Protein backbone atom coordinates (compact mmCIF):
# COMPACT_ATOMS: atom_id res chain seq x y z
CA UNK A 1 -23.99 -29.20 1.65
CA UNK A 2 -23.60 -30.92 -1.71
CA UNK A 3 -25.84 -33.97 -1.89
CA UNK A 4 -24.39 -35.91 -4.75
CA UNK A 5 -27.39 -38.16 -5.39
CA UNK A 6 -30.64 -39.42 -3.88
CA UNK A 7 -30.68 -40.14 -0.17
CA UNK A 8 -33.75 -42.30 0.48
CA UNK A 9 -33.07 -45.96 1.13
CA UNK A 10 -35.37 -48.44 -0.59
CA UNK A 11 -36.03 -51.45 1.63
CA UNK A 12 -34.94 -54.61 -0.16
CA UNK A 13 -35.48 -57.10 2.64
CA UNK A 14 -38.11 -57.61 5.29
CA UNK A 15 -36.24 -57.08 8.59
CA UNK A 16 -37.80 -57.05 12.03
CA UNK A 17 -37.71 -53.26 12.39
CA UNK A 18 -39.91 -50.92 10.43
CA UNK A 19 -38.45 -47.75 8.94
CA UNK A 20 -39.92 -45.73 11.82
CA UNK A 21 -38.41 -48.13 14.34
CA UNK A 22 -34.97 -47.81 12.74
CA UNK A 23 -35.18 -44.02 13.02
CA UNK A 24 -36.06 -44.36 16.70
CA UNK A 25 -33.36 -47.01 17.18
CA UNK A 26 -30.45 -44.86 16.03
CA UNK A 27 -31.46 -42.04 18.39
CA UNK A 28 -30.98 -44.42 21.34
CA UNK A 29 -27.28 -44.25 20.33
CA UNK A 30 -26.54 -47.98 20.25
CA UNK A 31 -22.86 -48.82 20.26
CA UNK A 32 -21.19 -50.25 17.18
CA UNK A 33 -21.03 -53.62 18.94
CA UNK A 34 -24.79 -53.45 19.51
CA UNK A 35 -25.50 -52.35 15.93
CA UNK A 36 -23.35 -55.18 14.63
CA UNK A 37 -25.31 -57.66 16.73
CA UNK A 38 -28.60 -56.29 15.38
CA UNK A 39 -27.28 -56.59 11.83
CA UNK A 40 -26.20 -60.16 12.43
CA UNK A 41 -29.62 -61.09 13.82
CA UNK A 42 -31.38 -59.49 10.87
CA UNK A 43 -33.17 -57.00 13.10
CA UNK A 44 -31.98 -54.14 10.88
CA UNK A 45 -30.10 -53.77 7.61
CA UNK A 46 -27.24 -51.48 6.68
CA UNK A 47 -29.44 -50.05 3.96
CA UNK A 48 -32.03 -49.06 6.55
CA UNK A 49 -29.37 -47.55 8.78
CA UNK A 50 -28.00 -45.46 5.93
CA UNK A 51 -31.49 -44.28 5.03
CA UNK A 52 -32.26 -43.31 8.62
CA UNK A 53 -29.00 -41.41 9.10
CA UNK A 54 -29.44 -39.60 5.78
CA UNK A 55 -32.97 -38.64 6.80
CA UNK A 56 -31.54 -37.07 9.96
CA UNK A 57 -28.98 -35.15 7.93
CA UNK A 58 -31.82 -33.82 5.77
CA UNK A 59 -33.90 -32.90 8.82
CA UNK A 60 -31.26 -31.28 11.03
CA UNK A 61 -28.27 -30.33 8.91
CA UNK A 62 -30.06 -28.86 5.90
CA UNK A 63 -33.34 -27.99 7.63
CA UNK A 64 -34.44 -27.45 11.22
CA UNK A 65 -31.53 -26.00 13.21
CA UNK A 66 -29.42 -26.16 10.00
CA UNK A 67 -26.28 -27.27 11.83
CA UNK A 68 -24.20 -27.18 8.65
CA UNK A 69 -21.95 -30.03 9.78
CA UNK A 70 -21.86 -31.82 6.42
CA UNK A 71 -20.38 -30.65 3.13
CA UNK A 72 -20.97 -33.79 1.04
CA UNK A 73 -23.17 -36.87 1.16
CA UNK A 74 -21.93 -39.93 -0.68
CA UNK A 75 -24.09 -40.70 -3.71
CA UNK A 76 -23.18 -44.39 -3.48
CA UNK A 77 -23.96 -44.87 0.21
CA UNK A 78 -27.37 -46.50 -0.27
CA UNK A 79 -26.18 -48.85 -3.02
CA UNK A 80 -23.07 -49.73 -1.04
CA UNK A 81 -25.19 -50.58 1.99
CA UNK A 82 -27.49 -52.79 -0.09
CA UNK A 83 -24.48 -54.61 -1.54
CA UNK A 84 -23.02 -55.18 1.92
CA UNK A 85 -26.35 -56.51 3.18
CA UNK A 86 -26.29 -59.05 0.36
CA UNK A 87 -22.69 -59.97 1.17
CA UNK A 88 -23.60 -60.46 4.83
CA UNK A 89 -26.41 -62.81 3.87
CA UNK A 90 -24.20 -64.80 1.52
CA UNK A 91 -20.84 -64.95 3.27
CA UNK A 92 -21.10 -63.18 6.63
CA UNK A 93 -19.43 -60.14 8.14
CA UNK A 94 -15.87 -58.98 7.47
CA UNK A 95 -15.45 -57.51 10.95
CA UNK A 96 -16.53 -54.94 13.55
CA UNK A 97 -17.21 -52.03 11.16
CA UNK A 98 -18.82 -54.10 8.41
CA UNK A 99 -21.96 -52.34 7.21
CA UNK A 100 -21.47 -49.43 9.66
CA UNK A 101 -21.96 -45.86 8.30
CA UNK A 102 -19.09 -43.47 9.06
CA UNK A 103 -18.38 -39.79 8.33
CA UNK A 104 -14.99 -38.31 7.43
CA UNK A 105 -13.56 -34.88 8.08
CA UNK A 106 -13.16 -33.17 4.73
CA UNK A 107 -9.37 -33.11 4.84
CA UNK A 108 -9.25 -36.91 4.47
CA UNK A 109 -8.94 -37.88 0.81
CA UNK A 110 -11.71 -39.80 -0.93
CA UNK A 111 -11.36 -40.72 -4.61
CA UNK A 112 -15.15 -40.79 -5.10
CA UNK A 113 -15.92 -37.45 -3.42
CA UNK A 114 -14.22 -34.06 -3.41
CA UNK A 115 -11.78 -33.18 -0.62
CA UNK A 116 -12.00 -29.45 0.01
CA UNK A 117 -9.99 -29.02 3.25
CA UNK A 118 -12.73 -26.48 3.94
CA UNK A 119 -11.44 -24.08 1.31
CA UNK A 120 -12.74 -22.61 -1.93
CA UNK A 121 -9.16 -23.01 -3.08
CA UNK A 122 -9.75 -26.78 -3.24
CA UNK A 123 -13.55 -26.96 -3.24
CA UNK A 124 -14.95 -29.27 -5.88
CA UNK A 125 -11.61 -30.97 -6.51
CA UNK A 126 -11.36 -34.73 -6.17
CA UNK A 127 -8.10 -36.51 -5.34
CA UNK A 128 -6.85 -39.48 -7.33
CA UNK A 129 -6.72 -41.91 -4.40
CA UNK A 130 -8.30 -42.64 -1.06
CA UNK A 131 -6.36 -41.80 2.08
CA UNK A 132 -4.78 -44.83 3.73
CA UNK A 133 -7.36 -44.83 6.52
CA UNK A 134 -10.20 -44.69 3.97
CA UNK A 135 -8.79 -47.74 2.22
CA UNK A 136 -8.80 -49.56 5.56
CA UNK A 137 -12.40 -48.56 6.20
CA UNK A 138 -13.61 -49.59 2.76
CA UNK A 139 -11.74 -52.92 2.92
CA UNK A 140 -13.44 -53.58 6.27
CA UNK A 141 -16.87 -52.90 4.77
CA UNK A 142 -17.52 -49.56 6.47
CA UNK A 143 -19.85 -47.26 4.53
CA UNK A 144 -18.50 -43.75 3.88
CA UNK A 145 -21.66 -41.72 4.42
CA UNK A 146 -20.18 -38.32 3.64
CA UNK A 147 -17.71 -35.57 4.50
CA UNK A 148 -17.90 -33.11 7.39
CA UNK A 149 -17.02 -29.44 7.55
CA UNK A 150 -13.89 -28.25 9.34
CA UNK A 151 -12.01 -25.15 10.29
CA UNK A 152 -10.45 -24.10 6.99
CA UNK A 153 -7.15 -25.90 6.35
CA UNK A 154 -7.68 -27.48 9.83
CA UNK A 155 -6.09 -24.31 11.19
CA UNK A 156 -7.95 -23.11 14.27
CA UNK A 157 -10.79 -23.83 16.67
CA UNK A 158 -14.03 -22.49 15.16
CA UNK A 159 -15.16 -24.81 12.32
CA UNK A 160 -15.80 -22.02 9.88
CA UNK A 161 -14.57 -22.26 6.32
CA UNK A 162 -14.86 -20.49 3.01
CA UNK A 163 -16.17 -23.68 1.41
CA UNK A 164 -18.49 -25.03 4.12
CA UNK A 165 -19.46 -21.94 6.11
CA UNK A 166 -20.03 -21.94 9.87
CA UNK A 167 -20.97 -25.15 11.66
CA UNK A 168 -23.26 -24.64 14.66
CA UNK A 169 -23.15 -26.26 18.08
CA UNK A 170 -26.35 -28.33 18.53
CA UNK A 171 -26.39 -27.62 22.28
CA UNK A 172 -26.66 -23.87 21.67
CA UNK A 173 -26.83 -22.61 18.11
CA UNK A 174 -25.16 -19.36 19.17
CA UNK A 175 -22.08 -21.17 20.47
CA UNK A 176 -18.88 -22.35 18.88
CA UNK A 177 -18.62 -26.11 18.19
CA UNK A 178 -14.86 -25.55 18.35
CA UNK A 179 -12.59 -27.20 15.81
CA UNK A 180 -10.96 -27.98 13.63
CA UNK A 181 -12.89 -31.29 13.54
CA UNK A 182 -16.10 -29.57 14.59
CA UNK A 183 -18.13 -30.93 11.69
CA UNK A 184 -17.23 -34.50 12.66
CA UNK A 185 -18.03 -33.81 16.32
CA UNK A 186 -21.40 -32.22 15.54
CA UNK A 187 -22.23 -35.08 13.17
CA UNK A 188 -21.88 -37.73 15.87
CA UNK A 189 -23.48 -35.54 18.54
CA UNK A 190 -26.54 -35.05 16.30
CA UNK A 191 -26.64 -38.78 15.38
CA UNK A 192 -25.82 -38.38 11.70
CA UNK A 193 -23.65 -41.52 11.99
CA UNK A 194 -22.42 -43.68 14.86
CA UNK A 195 -18.79 -42.92 14.05
CA UNK A 196 -16.78 -40.09 12.51
CA UNK A 197 -13.12 -39.42 11.95
CA UNK A 198 -11.23 -36.21 12.58
CA UNK A 199 -7.64 -35.06 12.68
CA UNK A 200 -5.77 -33.60 15.63
CA UNK A 201 -2.67 -31.41 15.55
CA UNK A 202 -3.09 -29.33 18.70
CA UNK A 203 -6.50 -30.46 19.96
CA UNK A 204 -8.68 -30.58 16.86
CA UNK A 205 -10.40 -33.85 17.86
CA UNK A 206 -10.55 -33.42 21.61
CA UNK A 207 -11.75 -29.84 21.94
CA UNK A 208 -14.77 -30.17 19.60
CA UNK A 209 -15.61 -33.49 21.26
CA UNK A 210 -15.66 -31.62 24.57
CA UNK A 211 -17.86 -28.88 23.12
CA UNK A 212 -20.45 -31.38 21.83
CA UNK A 213 -20.71 -33.93 24.67
CA UNK A 214 -18.92 -36.48 22.51
CA UNK A 215 -15.88 -38.74 22.80
CA UNK A 216 -12.74 -38.27 20.76
CA UNK A 217 -9.25 -39.72 20.98
CA UNK A 218 -5.90 -38.45 19.80
CA UNK A 219 -3.85 -41.63 19.38
CA UNK A 220 -0.13 -41.83 19.92
CA UNK A 221 1.63 -40.43 16.88
CA UNK A 222 2.52 -43.34 14.60
CA UNK A 223 -0.29 -45.65 15.68
CA UNK A 224 -2.47 -44.77 12.66
CA UNK A 225 -1.25 -44.08 9.12
CA UNK A 226 -1.78 -40.51 7.85
CA UNK A 227 -1.04 -40.62 4.12
CA UNK A 228 -3.70 -38.95 1.99
CA UNK A 229 -4.64 -36.47 4.71
CA UNK A 230 -4.04 -32.75 4.24
CA UNK A 231 -1.24 -31.84 6.66
CA UNK A 232 -0.66 -29.06 9.15
CA UNK A 233 2.39 -30.42 10.97
CA UNK A 234 4.23 -33.60 10.08
CA UNK A 235 5.49 -33.71 13.68
CA UNK A 236 2.11 -33.38 15.39
CA UNK A 237 -0.67 -34.50 13.03
CA UNK A 238 -2.76 -37.53 13.96
CA UNK A 239 -6.08 -38.98 12.82
CA UNK A 240 -8.61 -40.53 15.16
CA UNK A 241 -12.22 -41.58 15.77
CA UNK A 242 -15.06 -39.58 17.31
CA UNK A 243 -18.30 -41.06 18.67
CA UNK A 244 -20.91 -40.80 21.40
CA UNK A 245 -19.42 -43.62 23.50
CA UNK A 246 -16.01 -44.85 24.58
CA UNK A 247 -16.95 -48.31 23.32
CA UNK A 248 -17.18 -47.03 19.75
CA UNK A 249 -13.72 -45.49 20.00
CA UNK A 250 -12.38 -48.92 20.94
CA UNK A 251 -14.21 -50.57 18.03
CA UNK A 252 -12.71 -48.08 15.59
CA UNK A 253 -9.16 -48.46 16.91
CA UNK A 254 -9.40 -52.24 16.60
CA UNK A 255 -9.61 -51.75 12.84
CA UNK A 256 -7.29 -48.84 12.11
CA UNK A 257 -4.53 -48.97 14.74
CA UNK A 258 -1.14 -50.50 14.11
CA UNK A 259 -1.57 -51.17 10.39
CA UNK A 260 1.49 -50.45 8.26
CA UNK A 261 1.17 -47.34 6.08
CA UNK A 262 4.16 -47.42 3.72
CA UNK A 263 3.58 -43.80 2.64
CA UNK A 264 3.66 -42.32 6.14
CA UNK A 265 7.24 -42.14 7.45
CA UNK A 266 6.18 -41.99 11.10
CA UNK A 267 3.67 -44.87 10.96
CA UNK A 268 4.90 -47.76 13.06
CA UNK A 269 2.54 -50.38 11.66
CA UNK A 270 2.77 -53.79 13.24
CA UNK A 271 5.73 -52.60 15.33
CA UNK A 272 3.37 -50.39 17.36
CA UNK A 273 2.54 -51.69 20.82
CA UNK A 274 -1.19 -52.43 20.90
CA UNK A 275 -3.50 -54.98 22.50
CA UNK A 276 -5.27 -57.76 20.67
CA UNK A 277 -8.47 -55.72 21.06
CA UNK A 278 -9.15 -52.33 22.59
CA UNK A 279 -12.59 -53.67 23.47
CA UNK A 280 -10.85 -55.78 26.12
CA UNK A 281 -10.06 -52.53 27.96
CA UNK A 282 -13.76 -51.81 28.55
CA UNK A 283 -13.70 -52.79 32.21
CA UNK A 284 -16.26 -51.12 34.51
CA UNK A 285 -13.81 -51.61 37.40
CA UNK A 286 -10.83 -50.03 35.64
CA UNK A 287 -10.80 -47.03 37.99
CA UNK A 288 -10.23 -49.15 41.09
CA UNK A 289 -6.58 -48.61 42.02
CA UNK A 290 -5.83 -46.43 39.00
CA UNK A 291 -3.25 -43.72 39.63
CA UNK A 292 -4.57 -40.43 38.24
CA UNK A 293 -2.86 -37.06 38.60
CA UNK A 294 -4.85 -33.84 38.23
CA UNK A 295 -2.87 -31.04 36.58
CA UNK A 296 -3.94 -27.89 38.42
CA UNK A 297 -2.32 -25.48 35.98
CA UNK A 298 -4.80 -26.67 33.33
CA UNK A 299 -7.75 -25.18 35.23
CA UNK A 300 -8.95 -21.65 34.60
CA UNK A 301 -9.42 -18.82 37.06
CA UNK A 302 -11.85 -16.68 35.08
CA UNK A 303 -15.54 -16.41 35.99
CA UNK A 304 -16.27 -18.41 32.83
CA UNK A 305 -14.11 -21.24 34.20
CA UNK A 306 -15.90 -21.60 37.53
CA UNK A 307 -18.60 -23.99 36.39
CA UNK A 308 -16.12 -26.11 34.44
CA UNK A 309 -14.05 -26.40 37.61
CA UNK A 310 -17.13 -27.43 39.57
CA UNK A 311 -17.95 -30.15 37.04
CA UNK A 312 -14.38 -31.46 37.24
CA UNK A 313 -14.46 -31.43 41.05
CA UNK A 314 -17.56 -33.62 40.97
CA UNK A 315 -15.79 -35.97 38.58
CA UNK A 316 -12.78 -36.16 40.88
CA UNK A 317 -15.01 -37.11 43.81
CA UNK A 318 -16.59 -39.84 41.69
CA UNK A 319 -13.16 -41.15 40.69
CA UNK A 320 -12.06 -41.38 44.31
CA UNK A 321 -15.30 -43.13 45.24
CA UNK A 322 -14.59 -45.68 42.49
CA UNK A 323 -11.22 -46.48 44.07
CA UNK A 324 -8.91 -44.33 41.99
CA UNK A 325 -5.83 -42.90 43.69
CA UNK A 326 -6.06 -39.22 42.77
CA UNK A 327 -3.34 -36.68 43.49
CA UNK A 328 -2.63 -33.12 42.33
CA UNK A 329 0.37 -31.33 40.90
CA UNK A 330 0.49 -27.67 39.94
CA UNK A 331 2.75 -28.17 36.93
CA UNK A 332 4.89 -30.83 35.26
CA UNK A 333 8.16 -29.07 36.08
CA UNK A 334 9.42 -29.10 32.51
CA UNK A 335 8.32 -27.38 29.32
CA UNK A 336 8.93 -27.55 25.59
CA UNK A 337 10.88 -24.62 24.18
CA UNK A 338 10.13 -25.64 20.60
CA UNK A 339 8.63 -23.18 18.15
CA UNK A 340 5.25 -24.09 16.74
CA UNK A 341 6.06 -27.04 14.50
CA UNK A 342 3.57 -26.02 11.81
CA UNK A 343 5.46 -22.74 11.35
CA UNK A 344 8.31 -24.81 9.98
CA UNK A 345 6.49 -27.75 8.45
CA UNK A 346 3.13 -26.80 6.93
CA UNK A 347 4.09 -25.13 3.66
CA UNK A 348 6.42 -27.88 2.46
CA UNK A 349 4.13 -30.63 3.73
CA UNK A 350 1.10 -29.14 2.00
CA UNK A 351 2.99 -28.71 -1.25
CA UNK A 352 3.92 -32.40 -1.11
CA UNK A 353 0.26 -33.26 -0.43
CA UNK A 354 -0.84 -31.23 -3.49
CA UNK A 355 1.68 -33.03 -5.69
CA UNK A 356 0.03 -36.34 -4.80
CA UNK A 357 -3.54 -35.00 -5.02
CA UNK A 358 -3.97 -35.55 -8.75
CA UNK A 359 -4.62 -33.53 -11.90
CA UNK A 360 -7.21 -31.28 -10.22
CA UNK A 361 -4.36 -29.59 -8.34
CA UNK A 362 -1.44 -30.20 -10.69
CA UNK A 363 1.17 -27.49 -10.35
CA UNK A 364 -0.71 -25.65 -7.58
CA UNK A 365 1.27 -24.55 -4.52
CA UNK A 366 0.43 -23.63 -0.95
CA UNK A 367 1.68 -20.10 -1.60
CA UNK A 368 -0.68 -19.66 -4.56
CA UNK A 369 -3.66 -20.86 -2.54
CA UNK A 370 -3.01 -18.37 0.23
CA UNK A 371 -2.53 -15.52 -2.25
CA UNK A 372 -5.61 -16.11 -4.38
CA UNK A 373 -8.14 -14.99 -1.77
CA UNK A 374 -11.45 -16.39 -0.63
CA UNK A 375 -10.00 -18.05 2.47
CA UNK A 376 -11.54 -17.10 5.84
CA UNK A 377 -9.75 -13.91 6.91
CA UNK A 378 -8.14 -15.13 10.13
CA UNK A 379 -6.98 -18.35 8.54
CA UNK A 380 -5.69 -16.57 5.45
CA UNK A 381 -3.54 -14.23 7.54
CA UNK A 382 -2.12 -17.13 9.55
CA UNK A 383 -1.31 -19.18 6.47
CA UNK A 384 0.25 -16.29 4.57
CA UNK A 385 2.59 -15.78 7.52
CA UNK A 386 3.94 -19.31 6.92
CA UNK A 387 4.83 -18.74 3.27
CA UNK A 388 8.53 -18.40 2.62
CA UNK A 389 9.47 -18.93 6.24
CA UNK A 390 12.07 -21.34 7.63
CA UNK A 391 11.42 -24.99 6.85
CA UNK A 392 12.70 -28.44 7.66
CA UNK A 393 15.71 -27.97 5.37
CA UNK A 394 16.94 -25.05 7.45
CA UNK A 395 19.96 -26.07 9.58
CA UNK A 396 18.33 -24.55 12.66
CA UNK A 397 15.27 -26.83 12.38
CA UNK A 398 17.05 -29.67 14.16
CA UNK A 399 18.23 -27.37 16.96
CA UNK A 400 15.09 -25.26 17.39
CA UNK A 401 12.37 -27.84 16.75
CA UNK A 402 13.49 -31.47 16.69
CA UNK A 403 15.78 -31.47 19.71
CA UNK A 404 13.48 -29.61 22.15
CA UNK A 405 10.48 -31.61 20.95
CA UNK A 406 12.32 -34.88 21.49
CA UNK A 407 13.52 -33.70 24.89
CA UNK A 408 9.95 -32.87 25.94
CA UNK A 409 8.65 -36.26 24.78
CA UNK A 410 11.42 -38.02 26.69
CA UNK A 411 10.83 -35.93 29.82
CA UNK A 412 7.09 -36.59 29.73
CA UNK A 413 7.58 -40.34 29.26
CA UNK A 414 10.06 -40.44 32.15
CA UNK A 415 7.68 -38.41 34.34
CA UNK A 416 4.81 -40.84 33.75
CA UNK A 417 6.97 -43.94 34.24
CA UNK A 418 8.99 -42.71 37.24
CA UNK A 419 5.86 -41.64 39.11
CA UNK A 420 3.84 -44.72 38.12
CA UNK A 421 1.04 -42.58 36.68
CA UNK A 422 -1.73 -44.16 34.64
CA UNK A 423 -3.15 -40.86 33.38
CA UNK A 424 -3.14 -37.10 33.79
CA UNK A 425 -6.56 -35.46 34.13
CA UNK A 426 -7.81 -31.95 33.38
CA UNK A 427 -10.68 -30.26 31.52
CA UNK A 428 -10.34 -30.42 27.73
CA UNK A 429 -11.05 -26.68 27.74
CA UNK A 430 -10.92 -24.33 30.72
CA UNK A 431 -14.21 -22.70 29.72
CA UNK A 432 -17.49 -23.79 28.16
CA UNK A 433 -17.95 -23.25 24.40
CA UNK A 434 -17.58 -19.61 23.40
CA UNK A 435 -19.94 -17.54 21.26
CA UNK A 436 -19.75 -17.86 17.50
CA UNK A 437 -17.01 -15.65 16.17
CA UNK A 438 -15.15 -15.64 19.50
CA UNK A 439 -11.98 -17.72 19.60
CA UNK A 440 -11.54 -20.10 22.53
CA UNK A 441 -7.86 -20.59 21.75
CA UNK A 442 -6.76 -19.41 25.19
CA UNK A 443 -9.01 -21.91 26.94
CA UNK A 444 -7.72 -24.96 25.07
CA UNK A 445 -5.75 -27.50 27.11
CA UNK A 446 -4.90 -29.92 24.33
CA UNK A 447 -1.34 -28.89 23.49
CA UNK A 448 0.30 -30.96 26.24
CA UNK A 449 -0.58 -34.34 24.73
CA UNK A 450 0.28 -33.13 21.23
CA UNK A 451 3.73 -31.97 22.30
CA UNK A 452 4.31 -35.16 24.31
CA UNK A 453 3.33 -37.44 21.43
CA UNK A 454 1.01 -39.12 23.91
CA UNK A 455 -2.52 -40.52 23.59
CA UNK A 456 -5.36 -38.43 25.01
CA UNK A 457 -9.10 -39.00 25.18
CA UNK A 458 -11.79 -36.38 25.74
CA UNK A 459 -15.13 -37.60 27.09
CA UNK A 460 -18.25 -36.02 28.61
CA UNK A 461 -17.85 -34.77 32.19
CA UNK A 462 -21.16 -32.92 32.54
CA UNK A 463 -22.82 -29.62 31.70
CA UNK A 464 -22.86 -26.05 32.91
CA UNK A 465 -26.04 -24.50 34.31
CA UNK A 466 -26.74 -23.17 30.80
CA UNK A 467 -26.63 -26.67 29.35
CA UNK A 468 -23.22 -26.33 27.68
CA UNK A 469 -21.04 -29.46 27.55
CA UNK A 470 -17.88 -29.88 29.61
CA UNK A 471 -15.30 -32.46 28.56
CA UNK A 472 -12.59 -34.13 30.60
CA UNK A 473 -9.27 -35.20 29.10
CA UNK A 474 -7.12 -38.14 30.16
CA UNK A 475 -3.53 -38.31 28.89
CA UNK A 476 -1.67 -41.60 29.04
CA UNK A 477 1.68 -43.11 28.24
CA UNK A 478 2.77 -43.60 24.64
CA UNK A 479 0.87 -46.46 22.97
CA UNK A 480 -1.14 -47.05 26.14
CA UNK A 481 -4.48 -46.09 24.60
CA UNK A 482 -6.01 -49.12 26.29
CA UNK A 483 -5.51 -47.69 29.79
CA UNK A 484 -7.11 -44.30 29.13
CA UNK A 485 -9.93 -45.96 27.18
CA UNK A 486 -10.57 -48.24 30.14
CA UNK A 487 -10.58 -45.36 32.64
CA UNK A 488 -12.92 -43.25 30.50
CA UNK A 489 -15.22 -46.24 29.95
CA UNK A 490 -15.40 -47.03 33.67
CA UNK A 491 -16.40 -43.45 34.42
CA UNK A 492 -18.90 -43.40 31.56
CA UNK A 493 -20.45 -46.68 32.75
CA UNK A 494 -20.88 -45.53 36.35
CA UNK A 495 -21.67 -41.86 35.71
CA UNK A 496 -23.03 -41.41 32.17
CA UNK A 497 -22.92 -37.71 31.36
CA UNK A 498 -23.84 -37.64 27.67
CA UNK A 499 -27.19 -36.01 26.93
CA UNK A 500 -28.44 -35.69 23.36
CA UNK A 501 -28.92 -32.11 22.11
CA UNK A 502 -32.51 -30.85 22.19
CA UNK A 503 -32.16 -29.27 18.74
CA UNK A 504 -31.86 -32.72 17.12
CA UNK A 505 -34.44 -34.94 18.88
């Protein structure tokens, strides 16, 4: 990890908590709402929070278990926190994320830190401008604490990269944290920050959240602006929050959802259907009367899947006891015949991203990056296969990609509406996290929501007998994030399953 400047916070005020108490406080995993209340009361300062989180990064990412979740720490984080503390004292808070430290996946552009996309091909380069979501965060007074490792080019499920190396799962250092947002997931699981952001094309937020007993949401495509984020598929890419509680997901969406991004052609801005506050969805009784359908085809039959299935069966019993109306179907009855969208879209989209990156990448192309070596072998082979292939200008793109994708989205929406379904339920992955170096691609269940353009949340369901996390996924109707947030929150409130990893006490 590159630490760009000193990381020890100097106390400038005399708050109620001592430094030692702040360190203990953040490991209780207070929600953002609770942290904000403590900041308002003067019980803690943002500067102290930043110092405590940076101390944990030093202790557990660089030393101790050496999780290797972080690739950069922001040199200005301490000074920014001190400035925000002063602003709070003089004029009050700007909103729910004011003075809150957050971590970004390192494919989200930051003009004051490099954006590597996990690759030596970009490592050390700094873009000209912040991504749209970063501008929103800074304007709201959030503190960008640093950047997290990812699967190189966000292409796969292992969180290993030529620039950042291999990120480890804090629940078992020999296991895969999954990916591609594995660095962000590990960062929140290890309490390096209360909130992180990842990106999700085919499960890259939800599957690592499942593997690290964390919460992650893939919002409906178009709800959050994506400009300034390295692309994989313009059709499928989303960006979303990751945290240790459903409440924090709601707090994050209240800031970033439904804001117009003029540089993202699919962003719906203020036209997106969204509630006044996602925090209003946090109803402990939300499960009572909820119509939930379990998708049986999303469960595994291998010996490795047995314990995951047992965890999900216990969850189902709890849902029924809470008043949910739970039914089962074996399959949806319709499928998408579309080719993988990134096969058609990634090269051109990445070239366009590089053109906007700034002088550090002037004239560089996706094809050159994949040819020049250094990229993780599996990723390099996959990316090279995309070079020179059919793209969105090909006449067959509309027929082979757009039409079947649209048909699947329409069929899924009709299925949910016609059957009055609040959410589909299944395990985020059919099996517990695999060993390092072993792909869990075949166990991933995340592609349904991606193809349907629908919101999906992964949240802790329990653990296997070996202490490996199991995540459950709820998929809702388009722009109905509030419903699945409410259902996940109600389960979390009645049956809290999150347990902090023993490697990062």
